[in-house]
Protein backbone atom coordinates (compact mmCIF):
# COMPACT_ATOMS: atom_id res chain seq x y z
CA MET A 1 234.85 3.79 -11.92
CA LEU A 2 231.67 3.28 -12.74
CA ARG A 3 230.16 1.50 -10.40
CA ARG A 4 231.98 5.12 -7.80
CA ILE A 5 229.59 6.94 -9.91
CA ILE A 6 226.88 5.07 -9.56
CA ALA A 7 227.61 3.99 -5.51
CA TRP A 8 227.64 8.57 -5.09
CA GLN A 9 224.14 9.12 -7.70
CA GLN A 10 222.58 6.58 -5.02
CA HIS A 11 223.56 8.45 -2.18
CA TRP A 12 222.59 11.69 -3.71
CA ALA A 13 220.02 10.68 -5.33
CA THR A 14 217.06 12.28 -3.01
CA GLN A 15 213.81 14.06 -3.48
CA LYS A 16 215.61 17.17 -1.56
CA THR A 17 218.43 16.90 -3.73
CA LEU A 18 216.76 16.77 -6.61
CA VAL A 19 214.26 19.99 -5.43
CA VAL A 20 217.95 22.05 -5.06
CA PHE A 21 219.48 20.57 -8.45
CA ALA A 22 215.65 21.49 -10.01
CA ILE A 23 216.19 25.03 -8.85
CA GLY A 24 219.98 25.44 -9.39
CA TYR A 25 219.16 24.12 -13.34
CA ILE A 26 216.81 27.09 -13.77
CA ILE A 27 219.71 29.60 -13.65
CA PHE A 28 220.94 28.54 -16.45
CA PRO A 29 218.59 28.43 -19.53
CA VAL A 30 217.29 31.67 -17.41
CA TYR A 31 220.44 33.71 -16.65
CA LEU A 32 223.83 32.39 -17.06
CA LEU A 33 223.59 31.08 -20.80
CA PRO A 34 222.31 34.18 -22.07
CA GLN A 35 224.88 36.08 -20.93
CA ILE A 36 227.25 33.78 -22.90
CA LEU A 37 225.67 32.82 -26.56
CA PRO A 38 225.43 35.19 -29.51
CA GLU A 39 223.50 37.20 -30.84
CA GLY A 40 221.22 35.00 -32.60
CA ARG A 41 220.59 31.50 -32.78
CA PRO A 42 224.50 29.88 -31.33
CA LEU A 43 225.84 26.72 -33.30
CA ASP A 44 225.11 24.41 -30.55
CA LEU A 45 221.42 24.89 -30.35
CA HIS A 46 221.06 23.81 -33.76
CA LEU A 47 220.00 20.17 -34.68
CA TYR A 48 222.37 19.92 -37.69
CA TYR A 49 224.36 22.89 -39.89
CA SER A 50 226.45 22.43 -43.26
CA ALA A 51 229.90 23.68 -42.71
CA GLU A 52 228.44 26.79 -44.86
CA ASP A 53 225.92 27.36 -42.21
CA ALA A 54 228.19 27.48 -39.21
CA TYR A 55 230.22 29.83 -41.80
CA ASN A 56 227.60 31.95 -42.28
CA LEU A 57 226.49 32.15 -38.34
CA ILE A 58 229.97 32.51 -37.25
CA LYS A 59 230.53 35.34 -39.45
CA SER A 60 227.13 36.92 -38.52
CA TYR A 61 228.10 36.98 -34.82
CA GLY A 62 230.52 39.57 -35.18
CA GLU A 63 234.04 39.84 -33.65
CA TYR A 64 232.38 40.97 -30.20
CA ASN A 65 230.03 37.96 -30.22
CA ARG A 66 232.33 35.65 -31.27
CA ALA A 67 234.93 36.78 -28.26
CA ARG A 68 232.28 36.29 -25.60
CA TYR A 69 230.95 32.75 -27.22
CA ILE A 70 234.69 31.66 -26.65
CA VAL A 71 234.66 32.81 -23.11
CA GLY A 72 231.26 31.77 -22.36
CA SER A 73 232.20 28.29 -24.09
CA LEU A 74 235.38 28.12 -21.67
CA THR A 75 233.71 29.00 -18.47
CA ILE A 76 229.84 28.22 -18.17
CA ASP A 77 228.94 26.06 -20.91
CA ILE A 78 232.02 23.73 -19.37
CA ILE A 79 229.98 23.60 -15.81
CA TYR A 80 226.37 23.44 -17.57
CA PRO A 81 227.10 19.92 -18.93
CA LEU A 82 228.35 18.68 -15.98
CA TYR A 83 225.40 20.02 -13.78
CA TYR A 84 223.07 19.06 -16.17
CA ALA A 85 224.44 15.71 -17.01
CA THR A 86 224.67 14.72 -13.00
CA PHE A 87 221.45 16.11 -12.73
CA LEU A 88 220.02 13.86 -14.99
CA GLY A 89 221.43 10.87 -13.98
CA LEU A 90 219.91 11.40 -10.79
CA ILE A 91 216.85 11.89 -11.72
CA LEU A 92 217.51 8.47 -13.55
CA ARG A 93 219.13 6.84 -10.43
CA PHE A 94 216.48 8.15 -7.84
CA PHE A 95 213.44 6.30 -10.53
CA ILE A 96 215.77 3.13 -11.45
CA GLU A 97 216.03 2.88 -7.25
CA LYS A 98 212.94 2.28 -6.83
CA ILE A 99 212.27 0.00 -9.74
CA ASP A 100 214.51 -2.18 -9.74
CA GLU A 101 215.58 -2.97 -6.25
CA GLN A 102 218.13 -6.09 -7.81
CA HIS A 103 220.46 -3.85 -9.20
CA GLY A 104 219.87 -5.67 -12.44
CA LYS A 105 219.96 -4.59 -15.97
CA TRP A 106 219.03 -0.87 -15.82
CA GLN A 107 221.67 -0.08 -12.87
CA TYR A 108 224.03 1.66 -15.84
CA PHE A 109 221.69 4.02 -17.68
CA SER A 110 221.78 6.62 -15.30
CA LEU A 111 225.20 7.14 -16.83
CA SER A 112 223.77 8.36 -19.80
CA PRO A 113 223.34 11.62 -19.83
CA TYR A 114 227.53 11.65 -18.93
CA ILE A 115 227.99 10.47 -22.30
CA ILE A 116 226.13 13.55 -23.69
CA MET A 117 228.18 15.86 -21.58
CA LEU A 118 231.48 14.13 -23.25
CA ILE A 119 230.52 14.98 -26.05
CA ASP A 120 229.01 18.51 -25.57
CA PHE A 121 232.88 18.98 -24.24
CA CYS A 122 233.64 18.21 -27.66
CA GLU A 123 231.47 20.06 -29.67
CA ASN A 124 232.07 23.03 -27.43
CA LEU A 125 236.23 22.59 -28.22
CA THR A 126 235.18 22.10 -31.71
CA VAL A 127 233.08 25.12 -31.51
CA ILE A 128 235.67 27.44 -29.67
CA THR A 129 238.61 26.48 -32.01
CA LEU A 130 236.11 27.58 -35.14
CA LEU A 131 235.71 31.04 -33.36
CA SER A 132 239.38 31.26 -33.15
CA ILE A 133 240.71 30.56 -36.09
CA PHE A 134 237.95 32.71 -38.02
CA PRO A 135 238.29 34.18 -40.63
CA GLN A 136 240.13 30.78 -41.64
CA ARG A 137 237.88 28.18 -42.52
CA ASN A 138 238.43 24.35 -41.58
CA GLU A 139 235.73 22.65 -43.72
CA TYR A 140 236.30 19.50 -41.87
CA LEU A 141 236.36 20.73 -37.96
CA ALA A 142 232.90 22.77 -38.94
CA GLU A 143 231.50 19.07 -40.27
CA LEU A 144 232.83 17.78 -37.06
CA ALA A 145 231.21 20.36 -35.06
CA SER A 146 228.21 19.68 -36.88
CA VAL A 147 227.98 15.64 -36.05
CA LEU A 148 228.41 16.30 -32.42
CA THR A 149 225.84 18.83 -32.18
CA SER A 150 223.30 16.23 -33.73
CA THR A 151 225.11 13.25 -31.69
CA LYS A 152 223.82 15.12 -28.16
CA TRP A 153 220.76 15.96 -29.13
CA LEU A 154 220.03 12.78 -30.56
CA LEU A 155 221.38 11.26 -26.47
CA PHE A 156 219.52 14.09 -25.66
CA PHE A 157 216.53 13.22 -27.05
CA MET A 158 216.62 8.91 -26.05
CA VAL A 159 217.66 10.25 -22.37
CA SER A 160 214.34 12.46 -22.45
CA ILE A 161 212.29 8.86 -23.10
CA LEU A 162 214.15 7.37 -20.18
CA LEU A 163 213.50 10.38 -18.22
CA VAL A 164 209.57 9.27 -19.32
CA TYR A 165 209.75 5.55 -18.91
CA PHE A 166 211.53 5.38 -15.58
CA PRO A 167 208.66 7.27 -13.95
CA VAL A 168 205.70 6.13 -15.82
CA LYS A 169 206.80 2.57 -14.89
CA TYR A 170 207.63 3.65 -10.96
CA TYR A 171 204.28 4.77 -10.54
CA ARG A 172 202.58 1.75 -13.01
CA LYS A 173 204.41 -0.20 -10.44
CA GLY A 174 202.63 1.62 -7.83
CA LYS A 175 205.45 2.80 -5.89
């Protein structure tokens, strides 16, 4: 399965594909995500929050924004993680192919954005549940959502380092 994903990435990791993905990517934060996110700061954009913080935010959204957040999380916020994981994976694959022609130790790094995607999906499900059961509280679930959110951002930071490392290594190699 992993090798099939890598083979797919090898086929599609071209400059033309990356430009198309980059243009498409802009649509998410500029147009689509603002349509679904509640007024104020959504839970999944925090680095960390306590259960109390989560419930204070959820309460502040109001009924309309909670419902909108749920619908958005079940639609656009399901597509977005798949899109960004694929885009970031293709960027990584593009540079890995350039610096590691032997298909050695770096090959699996292009799959790392998909780990973020899976965590993001789990985070979305916990946030949807928190929003759905409100005003009922589940402290364990709120803490789990926070752990998933923090893990997602930590892994995103690590992938960001790779997104800098591989192009620098490629350009230092002399193309």
